[in-house]
Amino acid sequence: MIRTVQLVGLLALAAAGGICANQPKAPKAPPAKAAPAKGGAPKGGAPKMGPRLNNPASLAARLYQLSPAEREQVLEKVPPQQQQRIREQLRYFDSLPKDQQQMMVERAERFAAMTPPQRREFQQSLQALNHLPPERRQMVAQALRRLQMLPEADRVVRLSSPAFKSRFTPDELHIIDKLSEVIVPPM
């Protein structure tokens, strides 16, 4: 059953292409200073963040749980440029600690469980994130990465706090709300 769902997902994703693939890479801006999470920051000084944001609808995300041989069988059917990009994403995934790999697998599973209208809204929010100016995109992405590492109670407090809301525009808060349905573990 899981293989059937994966195959259907792969076919749909191959037809749709990668949403984020054609986005130009933004130069890295210096990280924004944020108040440490409740309970303080880890010893490194910066709040702990989860794995980088990725598109859970991407073909690479659908390949995370496959064996290397199964991945190669799927990749053989993909154009060479897309193969290279997917292989880079899979190398990144394979280099992560197991807990962060599990986080990314769960993102893909939450996305797969969404209804088609929810998926469209998520993808529109992902596109909106990609169209933000680089410094704002980085702030929204960092907020999502930090939220995913917080315990549920702290996450609820952070999302509803005036200090958090004041850092973002209404459009950015909408993006955070919609993307957090998949990127942040369920509350």
Protein backbone atom coordinates (compact mmCIF):
# COMPACT_ATOMS: atom_id res chain seq x y z
CA MET A 1 0.00 0.00 0.00
CA ILE A 2 2.80 2.42 0.91
CA ARG A 3 4.61 1.65 -2.35
CA THR A 4 1.40 2.40 -4.27
CA VAL A 5 1.02 5.73 -2.52
CA GLN A 6 4.69 6.49 -3.17
CA LEU A 7 4.37 5.57 -6.84
CA VAL A 8 1.26 7.72 -7.29
CA GLY A 9 3.02 10.58 -5.49
CA LEU A 10 6.11 10.18 -7.66
CA LEU A 11 4.10 10.23 -10.86
CA ALA A 12 2.15 13.31 -9.77
CA LEU A 13 5.31 15.06 -8.68
CA ALA A 14 7.19 14.19 -11.85
CA ALA A 15 4.34 15.73 -13.85
CA ALA A 16 4.15 18.83 -11.68
CA GLY A 17 7.90 19.46 -11.47
CA GLY A 18 9.66 21.19 -8.60
CA ILE A 19 8.16 24.42 -7.36
CA CYS A 20 11.38 25.61 -5.81
CA ALA A 21 13.69 24.33 -8.52
CA ASN A 22 13.56 27.40 -10.74
CA GLN A 23 14.02 29.90 -7.96
CA PRO A 24 17.35 31.74 -8.00
CA LYS A 25 19.51 31.16 -4.97
CA ALA A 26 19.54 34.20 -2.73
CA PRO A 27 22.83 35.39 -1.25
CA LYS A 28 23.10 34.55 2.41
CA ALA A 29 22.23 37.51 4.60
CA PRO A 30 23.51 37.77 8.14
CA PRO A 31 21.14 36.02 10.57
CA ALA A 32 18.58 38.23 12.26
CA LYS A 33 18.96 38.63 16.00
CA ALA A 34 16.05 36.99 17.76
CA ALA A 35 15.20 36.58 21.39
CA PRO A 36 16.31 33.20 22.68
CA ALA A 37 13.65 30.55 23.03
CA LYS A 38 12.09 30.07 26.44
CA GLY A 39 14.62 28.32 28.58
CA GLY A 40 17.56 30.00 26.85
CA ALA A 41 19.65 29.15 23.85
CA PRO A 42 21.86 26.11 23.54
CA LYS A 43 25.58 26.48 24.31
CA GLY A 44 26.38 27.68 20.77
CA GLY A 45 24.39 30.86 21.51
CA ALA A 46 21.87 30.55 18.68
CA PRO A 47 18.43 28.98 19.09
CA LYS A 48 18.29 25.41 17.84
CA MET A 49 16.84 25.02 14.36
CA GLY A 50 15.61 21.99 12.47
CA PRO A 51 16.67 20.90 9.00
CA ARG A 52 16.49 23.44 6.20
CA LEU A 53 13.14 23.96 4.58
CA ASN A 54 12.42 21.88 1.54
CA ASN A 55 9.43 21.26 -0.64
CA PRO A 56 7.76 18.13 0.75
CA ALA A 57 6.09 17.71 -2.65
CA SER A 58 9.43 17.38 -4.43
CA LEU A 59 10.47 14.15 -6.06
CA ALA A 60 13.46 13.98 -3.71
CA ALA A 61 11.14 14.03 -0.68
CA ARG A 62 9.24 11.09 -2.14
CA LEU A 63 12.53 9.15 -2.48
CA TYR A 64 13.77 9.62 1.09
CA GLN A 65 12.62 6.24 2.34
CA LEU A 66 13.62 4.21 -0.69
CA SER A 67 16.78 2.13 -0.88
CA PRO A 68 19.62 3.42 -3.08
CA ALA A 69 18.71 0.86 -5.78
CA GLU A 70 15.05 1.92 -5.75
CA ARG A 71 16.08 5.59 -5.88
CA GLU A 72 18.23 4.90 -8.95
CA GLN A 73 15.36 3.12 -10.73
CA VAL A 74 13.18 6.20 -10.30
CA LEU A 75 15.98 8.65 -11.17
CA GLU A 76 16.68 6.85 -14.46
CA LYS A 77 13.30 8.11 -15.70
CA VAL A 78 14.06 11.76 -14.83
CA PRO A 79 15.84 14.29 -17.12
CA PRO A 80 19.59 14.65 -16.35
CA GLN A 81 19.39 18.22 -14.97
CA GLN A 82 16.62 17.24 -12.60
CA GLN A 83 18.55 14.07 -11.64
CA GLN A 84 21.50 16.18 -10.52
CA ARG A 85 19.32 18.47 -8.38
CA ILE A 86 17.51 15.50 -6.82
CA ARG A 87 20.78 13.70 -6.08
CA GLU A 88 22.05 16.82 -4.28
CA GLN A 89 18.87 16.92 -2.20
CA LEU A 90 19.21 13.22 -1.39
CA ARG A 91 22.88 13.68 -0.39
CA TYR A 92 21.80 16.48 1.96
CA PHE A 93 19.05 14.27 3.41
CA ASP A 94 21.43 11.31 3.86
CA SER A 95 23.94 13.56 5.66
CA LEU A 96 21.41 14.63 8.32
CA PRO A 97 21.19 13.04 11.77
CA LYS A 98 18.45 10.39 11.99
CA ASP A 99 16.10 12.64 14.01
CA GLN A 100 16.23 15.36 11.36
CA GLN A 101 15.77 12.79 8.59
CA GLN A 102 12.68 11.59 10.41
CA MET A 103 11.41 15.18 10.59
CA MET A 104 11.75 15.54 6.84
CA VAL A 105 10.04 12.19 6.18
CA GLU A 106 7.16 13.26 8.42
CA ARG A 107 6.85 16.52 6.46
CA ALA A 108 6.45 14.55 3.24
CA GLU A 109 3.89 12.28 4.92
CA ARG A 110 1.88 15.24 6.26
CA PHE A 111 1.90 16.76 2.77
CA ALA A 112 0.76 13.46 1.22
CA ALA A 113 -2.12 13.30 3.72
CA MET A 114 -3.46 16.73 2.71
CA THR A 115 -6.48 17.17 0.49
CA PRO A 116 -5.87 18.60 -3.01
CA PRO A 117 -7.12 22.10 -1.98
CA GLN A 118 -4.84 22.05 1.08
CA ARG A 119 -1.91 21.01 -1.12
CA ARG A 120 -2.61 23.86 -3.55
CA GLU A 121 -2.77 26.35 -0.68
CA PHE A 122 0.48 24.98 0.77
CA GLN A 123 2.21 25.22 -2.62
CA GLN A 124 0.91 28.77 -3.12
CA SER A 125 2.33 29.70 0.29
CA LEU A 126 5.64 28.09 -0.63
CA GLN A 127 5.70 30.12 -3.84
CA ALA A 128 4.82 33.27 -1.86
CA LEU A 129 7.74 32.52 0.48
CA ASN A 130 10.06 32.16 -2.52
CA HIS A 131 8.91 35.53 -3.88
CA LEU A 132 9.66 37.43 -0.67
CA PRO A 133 12.75 39.64 -0.66
CA PRO A 134 15.77 37.55 0.41
CA GLU A 135 16.06 39.04 3.92
CA ARG A 136 12.34 38.55 4.63
CA ARG A 137 12.38 35.03 3.14
CA GLN A 138 15.28 34.18 5.47
CA MET A 139 13.43 35.54 8.52
CA VAL A 140 10.27 33.54 7.73
CA ALA A 141 12.29 30.38 7.03
CA GLN A 142 14.24 30.78 10.28
CA ALA A 143 11.01 31.25 12.22
CA LEU A 144 9.62 28.01 10.75
CA ARG A 145 12.85 26.12 11.45
CA ARG A 146 12.88 27.34 15.06
CA LEU A 147 9.19 26.57 15.56
CA GLN A 148 9.68 22.96 14.53
CA MET A 149 12.23 22.47 17.31
CA LEU A 150 10.05 23.84 20.12
CA PRO A 151 7.92 21.68 22.38
CA GLU A 152 4.21 22.00 21.59
CA ALA A 153 3.36 24.29 24.53
CA ASP A 154 6.22 26.68 23.73
CA ARG A 155 5.26 26.70 20.05
CA VAL A 156 1.68 27.74 20.85
CA VAL A 157 2.95 30.53 23.12
CA ARG A 158 5.46 31.73 20.50
CA LEU A 159 2.93 31.78 17.64
CA SER A 160 0.41 33.78 19.64
CA SER A 161 2.87 36.21 21.20
CA PRO A 162 2.66 39.88 20.13
CA ALA A 163 6.48 39.98 19.93
CA PHE A 164 6.50 37.17 17.35
CA LYS A 165 3.61 38.63 15.37
CA SER A 166 5.18 42.11 15.33
CA ARG A 167 8.22 40.79 13.44
CA PHE A 168 6.15 39.78 10.40
CA THR A 169 3.67 41.33 7.99
CA PRO A 170 0.15 39.86 7.76
CA ASP A 171 1.16 38.14 4.49
CA GLU A 172 4.23 36.63 6.13
CA LEU A 173 2.16 35.43 9.09
CA HIS A 174 -0.23 33.79 6.61
CA ILE A 175 2.74 32.06 4.94
CA ILE A 176 4.02 30.86 8.33
CA ASP A 177 0.55 29.62 9.25
CA LYS A 178 0.04 27.65 6.03
CA LEU A 179 3.57 26.25 5.77
CA SER A 180 3.62 25.27 9.42
CA GLU A 181 0.80 22.81 8.71
CA VAL A 182 3.41 20.60 7.04
CA ILE A 183 6.81 21.88 8.17
CA VAL A 184 6.11 22.08 11.90
CA PRO A 185 5.05 18.87 13.67
CA PRO A 186 1.34 18.78 14.55
CA MET A 187 0.33 20.44 17.77
